[in-house]
Amino acid sequence: MKQKKYLTLSMVCLRVMVGWIGWVSWVACTNEEEDIRPSLPEEVIVEEPVGYPGVDTALWVYFERFEAEAARRNVAVDLRAARVTGDIEEIDEENTAGQCGFNRAQPNELTVDAGFWRIANERFREFIVFHELGHCVLYRTHREAADENNRCLSIMRSGTEDCRDNYSRFTRDRYLDELFDPDFRRDIFQ
């Protein structure tokens, strides 16, 4: 009887060992290109560009706001597609907070004066970036209109006239309505 138990145990061990060797052989010999997992349909994932190429990261929030405000007024603006660049650096011209360059080598190049940027509050930074994007993208020229209290009526004022800026959280929508007004777009070419 003892021998029968031993044979039974040997047979079980032998079966387990043969099964294990068979499984290892099957796994080792499986074609690597043959995927036994359920296949998922392949799809092309197009990632949205992050930020704005060629634009200082400090300006991104203002670029995003400009596009959003344009969209609120049913004006299509895509600053990436327009290839607008933007830097914060010293501008040599006295009393100039920002510029938009239109040369052929680097069209739509927005520059904000670094000295201005250091001291300006959030609202005035937005004012200058939006003003310069008004030149670069909407092709707006300066508009020197003022109301009866000598308050500037346009974000596109030059700053060389006597009107006073009145850009605040209370007047912002009115100024932006005027900025994106189709009657004034592309007036730089007139």
Protein backbone atom coordinates (compact mmCIF):
# COMPACT_ATOMS: atom_id res chain seq x y z
CA MET A 1 0.00 0.00 0.00
CA LYS A 2 2.72 2.32 0.76
CA GLN A 3 3.95 1.97 -2.74
CA LYS A 4 0.53 2.88 -4.17
CA LYS A 5 0.43 6.19 -2.21
CA TYR A 6 3.92 6.98 -3.40
CA LEU A 7 2.98 6.30 -7.00
CA THR A 8 -0.13 8.40 -6.73
CA LEU A 9 1.84 11.31 -5.29
CA SER A 10 4.49 10.87 -8.00
CA MET A 11 1.86 10.83 -10.68
CA VAL A 12 0.29 14.05 -9.36
CA CYS A 13 3.68 15.75 -9.21
CA LEU A 14 4.49 14.51 -12.69
CA ARG A 15 1.20 15.84 -14.07
CA VAL A 16 1.74 19.23 -12.42
CA MET A 17 5.29 19.41 -13.75
CA VAL A 18 4.25 18.45 -17.29
CA GLY A 19 1.40 20.97 -17.16
CA TRP A 20 3.73 23.70 -15.92
CA ILE A 21 6.35 22.93 -18.60
CA GLY A 22 3.62 22.92 -21.24
CA TRP A 23 2.31 26.30 -20.11
CA VAL A 24 5.82 27.83 -19.99
CA SER A 25 6.53 26.45 -23.47
CA TRP A 26 3.27 27.85 -24.82
CA VAL A 27 3.95 31.32 -23.35
CA ALA A 28 7.56 31.32 -24.56
CA CYS A 29 6.60 30.22 -28.06
CA THR A 30 3.67 32.58 -28.50
CA ASN A 31 4.26 35.03 -31.34
CA GLU A 32 4.91 38.45 -29.83
CA GLU A 33 2.89 40.18 -32.52
CA GLU A 34 -0.07 37.98 -31.77
CA ASP A 35 -1.96 39.86 -29.09
CA ILE A 36 -4.41 37.67 -27.23
CA ARG A 37 -6.00 40.61 -25.43
CA PRO A 38 -9.21 42.07 -26.82
CA SER A 39 -8.23 44.64 -29.39
CA LEU A 40 -9.33 48.23 -29.15
CA PRO A 41 -9.90 50.26 -32.31
CA GLU A 42 -6.92 52.41 -33.12
CA GLU A 43 -7.69 56.09 -33.22
CA VAL A 44 -5.61 59.10 -34.02
CA ILE A 45 -5.37 61.43 -31.07
CA VAL A 46 -4.75 65.02 -32.03
CA GLU A 47 -3.49 66.97 -29.08
CA GLU A 48 -4.30 70.64 -28.74
CA PRO A 49 -1.13 72.72 -28.65
CA VAL A 50 -0.25 73.83 -25.17
CA GLY A 51 -0.06 77.58 -24.79
CA TYR A 52 0.98 79.85 -27.61
CA PRO A 53 4.20 79.15 -29.56
CA GLY A 54 6.62 82.05 -29.49
CA VAL A 55 4.68 83.84 -26.74
CA ASP A 56 6.02 84.60 -23.25
CA THR A 57 4.05 82.41 -20.82
CA ALA A 58 3.08 85.47 -18.75
CA LEU A 59 1.04 86.66 -21.76
CA TRP A 60 -0.86 83.40 -22.32
CA VAL A 61 -3.71 84.29 -19.96
CA TYR A 62 -4.30 87.55 -21.86
CA PHE A 63 -4.18 85.78 -25.23
CA GLU A 64 -6.76 83.27 -23.94
CA ARG A 65 -8.99 86.07 -22.63
CA PHE A 66 -8.73 87.96 -25.92
CA GLU A 67 -9.91 84.89 -27.87
CA ALA A 68 -12.71 84.28 -25.34
CA GLU A 69 -13.92 87.90 -25.47
CA ALA A 70 -13.85 87.82 -29.27
CA ALA A 71 -15.92 84.62 -29.25
CA ARG A 72 -18.45 86.21 -26.86
CA ARG A 73 -18.99 88.84 -29.54
CA ASN A 74 -19.14 86.32 -32.42
CA VAL A 75 -15.73 87.29 -33.74
CA ALA A 76 -13.47 84.40 -34.76
CA VAL A 77 -9.92 84.93 -33.47
CA ASP A 78 -7.27 82.20 -33.43
CA LEU A 79 -3.99 83.67 -32.25
CA ARG A 80 -2.10 80.42 -32.88
CA ALA A 81 -3.26 80.27 -36.50
CA ALA A 82 -2.42 83.97 -36.91
CA ARG A 83 1.08 83.10 -35.60
CA VAL A 84 1.12 86.05 -33.22
CA THR A 85 4.24 86.09 -31.08
CA GLY A 86 4.66 87.99 -27.85
CA ASP A 87 7.51 89.10 -25.61
CA ILE A 88 8.00 91.18 -22.51
CA GLU A 89 11.20 93.19 -22.97
CA GLU A 90 12.52 96.70 -22.71
CA ILE A 91 11.16 99.06 -25.38
CA ASP A 92 13.55 101.90 -26.13
CA GLU A 93 10.84 104.30 -27.24
CA GLU A 94 9.89 106.65 -24.40
CA ASN A 95 6.35 106.37 -22.92
CA THR A 96 5.56 103.25 -24.95
CA ALA A 97 3.96 100.40 -23.01
CA GLY A 98 3.50 98.07 -25.99
CA GLN A 99 3.99 97.61 -29.70
CA CYS A 100 2.81 95.37 -32.51
CA GLY A 101 5.31 94.84 -35.32
CA PHE A 102 4.10 94.31 -38.87
CA ASN A 103 7.36 93.62 -40.72
CA ARG A 104 7.56 90.78 -43.25
CA ALA A 105 10.24 88.86 -41.36
CA GLN A 106 8.19 88.70 -38.16
CA PRO A 107 4.56 89.71 -38.72
CA ASN A 108 2.27 90.17 -35.74
CA GLU A 109 5.01 90.48 -33.16
CA LEU A 110 3.60 91.89 -29.92
CA THR A 111 6.01 93.42 -27.42
CA VAL A 112 5.14 94.72 -23.96
CA ASP A 113 7.64 96.94 -22.18
CA ALA A 114 9.27 95.10 -19.25
CA GLY A 115 9.36 98.25 -17.09
CA PHE A 116 5.65 98.80 -17.61
CA TRP A 117 4.93 95.10 -16.91
CA ARG A 118 6.73 95.23 -13.54
CA ILE A 119 4.60 98.08 -12.19
CA ALA A 120 1.25 97.61 -13.99
CA ASN A 121 -1.73 96.05 -12.28
CA GLU A 122 -3.72 93.17 -13.79
CA ARG A 123 -6.33 95.39 -15.46
CA PHE A 124 -3.79 97.71 -17.11
CA ARG A 125 -1.75 94.74 -18.38
CA GLU A 126 -4.91 93.40 -20.02
CA PHE A 127 -5.64 96.85 -21.47
CA ILE A 128 -2.21 97.07 -23.16
CA VAL A 129 -2.16 93.46 -24.43
CA PHE A 130 -5.68 93.81 -25.83
CA HIS A 131 -4.76 97.18 -27.40
CA GLU A 132 -1.73 95.65 -29.15
CA LEU A 133 -3.71 92.56 -30.24
CA GLY A 134 -6.23 95.05 -31.65
CA HIS A 135 -3.44 96.22 -33.98
CA CYS A 136 -1.95 92.76 -34.68
CA VAL A 137 -5.11 90.73 -35.24
CA LEU A 138 -8.07 93.06 -35.74
CA TYR A 139 -5.97 95.54 -37.75
CA ARG A 140 -7.28 98.45 -35.75
CA THR A 141 -5.71 101.88 -35.89
CA HIS A 142 -5.76 104.42 -33.06
CA ARG A 143 -9.11 106.00 -32.28
CA GLU A 144 -8.98 109.20 -30.25
CA ALA A 145 -12.70 109.68 -29.53
CA ALA A 146 -13.69 111.05 -26.10
CA ASP A 147 -16.98 111.66 -24.31
CA GLU A 148 -18.19 114.99 -22.84
CA ASN A 149 -16.14 114.31 -19.68
CA ASN A 150 -13.00 113.72 -21.75
CA ARG A 151 -12.94 109.98 -21.06
CA CYS A 152 -11.47 107.86 -23.87
CA LEU A 153 -14.14 105.89 -25.71
CA SER A 154 -11.77 103.33 -27.18
CA ILE A 155 -9.16 100.92 -25.91
CA MET A 156 -7.42 101.79 -29.20
CA ARG A 157 -6.56 105.35 -28.15
CA SER A 158 -2.92 106.30 -28.79
CA GLY A 159 -2.12 107.74 -25.39
CA THR A 160 -0.81 110.94 -26.97
CA GLU A 161 -4.13 112.80 -26.73
CA ASP A 162 -5.76 114.34 -23.66
CA CYS A 163 -8.57 111.85 -23.04
CA ARG A 164 -8.46 109.88 -19.78
CA ASP A 165 -8.61 106.09 -19.71
CA ASN A 166 -11.61 104.72 -17.90
CA TYR A 167 -10.96 100.97 -18.25
CA SER A 168 -12.32 99.29 -15.14
CA ARG A 169 -14.41 96.29 -14.19
CA PHE A 170 -17.48 98.53 -14.65
CA THR A 171 -16.56 99.80 -18.13
CA ARG A 172 -14.61 96.79 -19.48
CA ASP A 173 -17.50 95.29 -21.48
CA ARG A 174 -18.22 98.61 -23.19
CA TYR A 175 -14.57 99.02 -24.17
CA LEU A 176 -14.37 95.44 -25.46
CA ASP A 177 -17.60 95.82 -27.43
CA GLU A 178 -15.98 98.78 -29.17
CA LEU A 179 -12.69 96.89 -29.67
CA PHE A 180 -14.41 94.00 -31.49
CA ASP A 181 -16.98 96.21 -33.28
CA PRO A 182 -17.00 95.17 -36.98
CA ASP A 183 -17.38 98.81 -38.03
CA PHE A 184 -13.83 99.49 -36.84
CA ARG A 185 -12.06 96.23 -37.77
CA ARG A 186 -9.40 96.54 -40.43
CA ASP A 187 -9.56 100.34 -40.22
CA ILE A 188 -5.77 100.39 -40.28
CA PHE A 189 -6.02 99.86 -44.06
CA GLN A 190 -8.27 102.89 -44.67
